[in-house]
Amino acid sequence: MSKAIMDLTELLERVENDRELIRDLLLIFKEEFPRHLQALRDAVDSMDGEKVAAEAHTMKGMLSTLSATSAASAAARLEQLGRNRKVCEFQEAYAAFENISKKLLLQLDTCMAEVGG
């Protein structure tokens, strides 16, 4: 398996080993993330810096909560590009974010199994 995108050990420590809470967080994330990813895609496609920054900021928070540091960093990059209206860099940054997001989504099922789901 490729390098983990989400640090389950860190997440367990953060929630004092509350596996039920982690399972709930992962379920909510799996439900909400696709909608936010599509909203970000739409903002990138429309070259709307304000919307890119806002949506990327939301996703950065979601990812940070799950100890998905590299994905959160990719979202932070998009947020900064949006704030600075660097529209010429949106597509490349979004592609990198989408790639890491796909890997994270694959890892979620494994993590859910590990926490008892």
C-alpha atoms as a PDB file:
ATOM      1  CA  MET A   1       0.000   0.000   0.000  1.00  0.00           C
ATOM      2  CA  SER A   2       1.184   3.523  -0.718  1.00  0.00           C
ATOM      3  CA  LYS A   3       2.140   5.952   2.023  1.00  0.00           C
ATOM      4  CA  ALA A   4      -0.799   6.848   4.243  1.00  0.00           C
ATOM      5  CA  ILE A   5      -2.442  10.185   3.553  1.00  0.00           C
ATOM      6  CA  MET A   6      -4.213  10.239   6.906  1.00  0.00           C
ATOM      7  CA  ASP A   7      -2.301   9.658  10.148  1.00  0.00           C
ATOM      8  CA  LEU A   8      -4.656   7.372  12.067  1.00  0.00           C
ATOM      9  CA  THR A   9      -2.303   7.176  15.047  1.00  0.00           C
ATOM     10  CA  GLU A  10      -2.303  10.966  15.393  1.00  0.00           C
ATOM     11  CA  LEU A  11      -6.072  11.078  14.983  1.00  0.00           C
ATOM     12  CA  LEU A  12      -6.547   8.422  17.680  1.00  0.00           C
ATOM     13  CA  GLU A  13      -4.341  10.426  20.046  1.00  0.00           C
ATOM     14  CA  ARG A  14      -6.231  13.615  19.255  1.00  0.00           C
ATOM     15  CA  VAL A  15      -9.568  12.065  20.234  1.00  0.00           C
ATOM     16  CA  GLU A  16      -8.174  10.111  23.189  1.00  0.00           C
ATOM     17  CA  ASN A  17      -8.665   6.783  21.383  1.00  0.00           C
ATOM     18  CA  ASP A  18     -12.443   7.327  21.002  1.00  0.00           C
ATOM     19  CA  ARG A  19     -12.979   4.984  18.077  1.00  0.00           C
ATOM     20  CA  GLU A  20     -16.692   5.696  17.876  1.00  0.00           C
ATOM     21  CA  LEU A  21     -15.953   9.400  17.465  1.00  0.00           C
ATOM     22  CA  ILE A  22     -13.417   8.671  14.723  1.00  0.00           C
ATOM     23  CA  ARG A  23     -15.915   6.466  12.925  1.00  0.00           C
ATOM     24  CA  ASP A  24     -18.502   9.261  13.108  1.00  0.00           C
ATOM     25  CA  LEU A  25     -15.963  11.802  11.818  1.00  0.00           C
ATOM     26  CA  LEU A  26     -15.026   9.535   8.922  1.00  0.00           C
ATOM     27  CA  LEU A  27     -18.658   8.901   7.997  1.00  0.00           C
ATOM     28  CA  ILE A  28     -19.428  12.612   8.004  1.00  0.00           C
ATOM     29  CA  PHE A  29     -16.322  13.296   5.955  1.00  0.00           C
ATOM     30  CA  LYS A  30     -17.224  10.635   3.386  1.00  0.00           C
ATOM     31  CA  GLU A  31     -20.675  12.179   3.065  1.00  0.00           C
ATOM     32  CA  GLU A  32     -19.617  15.834   2.878  1.00  0.00           C
ATOM     33  CA  PHE A  33     -16.307  15.694   1.028  1.00  0.00           C
ATOM     34  CA  PRO A  34     -17.600  14.902  -2.497  1.00  0.00           C
ATOM     35  CA  ARG A  35     -19.932  17.915  -2.392  1.00  0.00           C
ATOM     36  CA  HIS A  36     -17.099  20.212  -1.343  1.00  0.00           C
ATOM     37  CA  LEU A  37     -14.753  18.720  -3.921  1.00  0.00           C
ATOM     38  CA  GLN A  38     -17.303  19.449  -6.662  1.00  0.00           C
ATOM     39  CA  ALA A  39     -17.810  22.995  -5.383  1.00  0.00           C
ATOM     40  CA  LEU A  40     -14.047  23.529  -5.482  1.00  0.00           C
ATOM     41  CA  ARG A  41     -13.871  22.069  -8.999  1.00  0.00           C
ATOM     42  CA  ASP A  42     -16.627  24.461 -10.107  1.00  0.00           C
ATOM     43  CA  ALA A  43     -14.845  27.434  -8.521  1.00  0.00           C
ATOM     44  CA  VAL A  44     -11.570  26.472 -10.218  1.00  0.00           C
ATOM     45  CA  ASP A  45     -13.306  26.035 -13.579  1.00  0.00           C
ATOM     46  CA  SER A  46     -14.971  29.438 -13.265  1.00  0.00           C
ATOM     47  CA  MET A  47     -11.654  30.992 -12.146  1.00  0.00           C
ATOM     48  CA  ASP A  48     -13.369  32.543  -9.144  1.00  0.00           C
ATOM     49  CA  GLY A  49     -10.583  33.286  -6.688  1.00  0.00           C
ATOM     50  CA  GLU A  50     -12.910  34.171  -3.838  1.00  0.00           C
ATOM     51  CA  LYS A  51     -14.847  30.907  -4.132  1.00  0.00           C
ATOM     52  CA  VAL A  52     -11.662  28.875  -4.580  1.00  0.00           C
ATOM     53  CA  ALA A  53     -10.236  30.403  -1.407  1.00  0.00           C
ATOM     54  CA  ALA A  54     -13.439  29.872   0.583  1.00  0.00           C
ATOM     55  CA  GLU A  55     -13.993  26.277  -0.476  1.00  0.00           C
ATOM     56  CA  ALA A  56     -10.326  25.363  -0.111  1.00  0.00           C
ATOM     57  CA  HIS A  57     -10.338  26.887   3.379  1.00  0.00           C
ATOM     58  CA  THR A  58     -13.297  24.715   4.368  1.00  0.00           C
ATOM     59  CA  MET A  59     -11.623  21.619   2.992  1.00  0.00           C
ATOM     60  CA  LYS A  60      -8.346  22.476   4.717  1.00  0.00           C
ATOM     61  CA  GLY A  61     -10.193  22.466   8.022  1.00  0.00           C
ATOM     62  CA  MET A  62     -11.932  19.168   7.303  1.00  0.00           C
ATOM     63  CA  LEU A  63      -8.656  17.530   6.321  1.00  0.00           C
ATOM     64  CA  SER A  64      -6.736  18.939   9.269  1.00  0.00           C
ATOM     65  CA  THR A  65      -9.361  17.513  11.607  1.00  0.00           C
ATOM     66  CA  LEU A  66      -8.675  14.061  10.155  1.00  0.00           C
ATOM     67  CA  SER A  67      -4.886  14.420  10.459  1.00  0.00           C
ATOM     68  CA  ALA A  68      -4.589  14.364   6.672  1.00  0.00           C
ATOM     69  CA  THR A  69      -1.686  16.799   6.648  1.00  0.00           C
ATOM     70  CA  SER A  70      -0.537  16.497   3.045  1.00  0.00           C
ATOM     71  CA  ALA A  71      -4.092  16.877   1.731  1.00  0.00           C
ATOM     72  CA  ALA A  72      -4.650  19.853   4.051  1.00  0.00           C
ATOM     73  CA  SER A  73      -1.451  21.418   2.710  1.00  0.00           C
ATOM     74  CA  ALA A  74      -2.653  20.970  -0.858  1.00  0.00           C
ATOM     75  CA  ALA A  75      -5.938  22.647   0.104  1.00  0.00           C
ATOM     76  CA  ALA A  76      -3.996  25.468   1.781  1.00  0.00           C
ATOM     77  CA  ARG A  77      -2.086  26.027  -1.456  1.00  0.00           C
ATOM     78  CA  LEU A  78      -5.363  26.363  -3.345  1.00  0.00           C
ATOM     79  CA  GLU A  79      -6.689  28.708  -0.678  1.00  0.00           C
ATOM     80  CA  GLN A  80      -3.641  30.954  -1.029  1.00  0.00           C
ATOM     81  CA  LEU A  81      -3.825  30.915  -4.831  1.00  0.00           C
ATOM     82  CA  GLY A  82      -7.481  31.892  -4.601  1.00  0.00           C
ATOM     83  CA  ARG A  83      -6.788  34.726  -2.172  1.00  0.00           C
ATOM     84  CA  ASN A  84      -4.037  36.005  -4.459  1.00  0.00           C
ATOM     85  CA  ARG A  85      -6.203  35.527  -7.584  1.00  0.00           C
ATOM     86  CA  LYS A  86      -3.484  33.457  -9.272  1.00  0.00           C
ATOM     87  CA  VAL A  87      -5.982  31.888 -11.653  1.00  0.00           C
ATOM     88  CA  CYS A  88      -3.301  30.608 -14.026  1.00  0.00           C
ATOM     89  CA  GLU A  89      -2.191  28.180 -11.280  1.00  0.00           C
ATOM     90  CA  PHE A  90      -5.657  26.937 -10.263  1.00  0.00           C
ATOM     91  CA  GLN A  91      -5.855  23.941 -12.606  1.00  0.00           C
ATOM     92  CA  GLU A  92      -2.458  22.499 -11.711  1.00  0.00           C
ATOM     93  CA  ALA A  93      -3.004  22.971  -7.974  1.00  0.00           C
ATOM     94  CA  TYR A  94      -6.483  21.464  -8.202  1.00  0.00           C
ATOM     95  CA  ALA A  95      -5.157  18.436 -10.103  1.00  0.00           C
ATOM     96  CA  ALA A  96      -2.589  17.824  -7.358  1.00  0.00           C
ATOM     97  CA  PHE A  97      -5.274  18.219  -4.687  1.00  0.00           C
ATOM     98  CA  GLU A  98      -7.660  15.894  -6.491  1.00  0.00           C
ATOM     99  CA  ASN A  99      -4.942  13.253  -6.823  1.00  0.00           C
ATOM    100  CA  ILE A 100      -4.159  13.263  -3.122  1.00  0.00           C
ATOM    101  CA  SER A 101      -7.886  13.338  -2.314  1.00  0.00           C
ATOM    102  CA  LYS A 102      -8.477  10.157  -4.312  1.00  0.00           C
ATOM    103  CA  LYS A 103      -5.762   8.407  -2.325  1.00  0.00           C
ATOM    104  CA  LEU A 104      -7.301   9.660   0.920  1.00  0.00           C
ATOM    105  CA  LEU A 105     -10.751   8.389  -0.002  1.00  0.00           C
ATOM    106  CA  LEU A 106      -9.290   4.951  -0.700  1.00  0.00           C
ATOM    107  CA  GLN A 107      -7.583   4.998   2.692  1.00  0.00           C
ATOM    108  CA  LEU A 108     -10.782   5.927   4.567  1.00  0.00           C
ATOM    109  CA  ASP A 109     -12.323   2.480   4.205  1.00  0.00           C
ATOM    110  CA  THR A 110      -9.185   0.866   5.620  1.00  0.00           C
ATOM    111  CA  CYS A 111      -9.197   3.307   8.523  1.00  0.00           C
ATOM    112  CA  MET A 112     -12.872   2.673   9.226  1.00  0.00           C
ATOM    113  CA  ALA A 113     -12.160  -1.067   9.399  1.00  0.00           C
ATOM    114  CA  GLU A 114      -9.271  -0.419  11.798  1.00  0.00           C
ATOM    115  CA  VAL A 115     -11.424   1.606  14.179  1.00  0.00           C
ATOM    116  CA  GLY A 116     -14.092  -1.038  14.288  1.00  0.00           C
ATOM    117  CA  GLY A 117     -16.466  -0.409  11.464  1.00  0.00           C
END
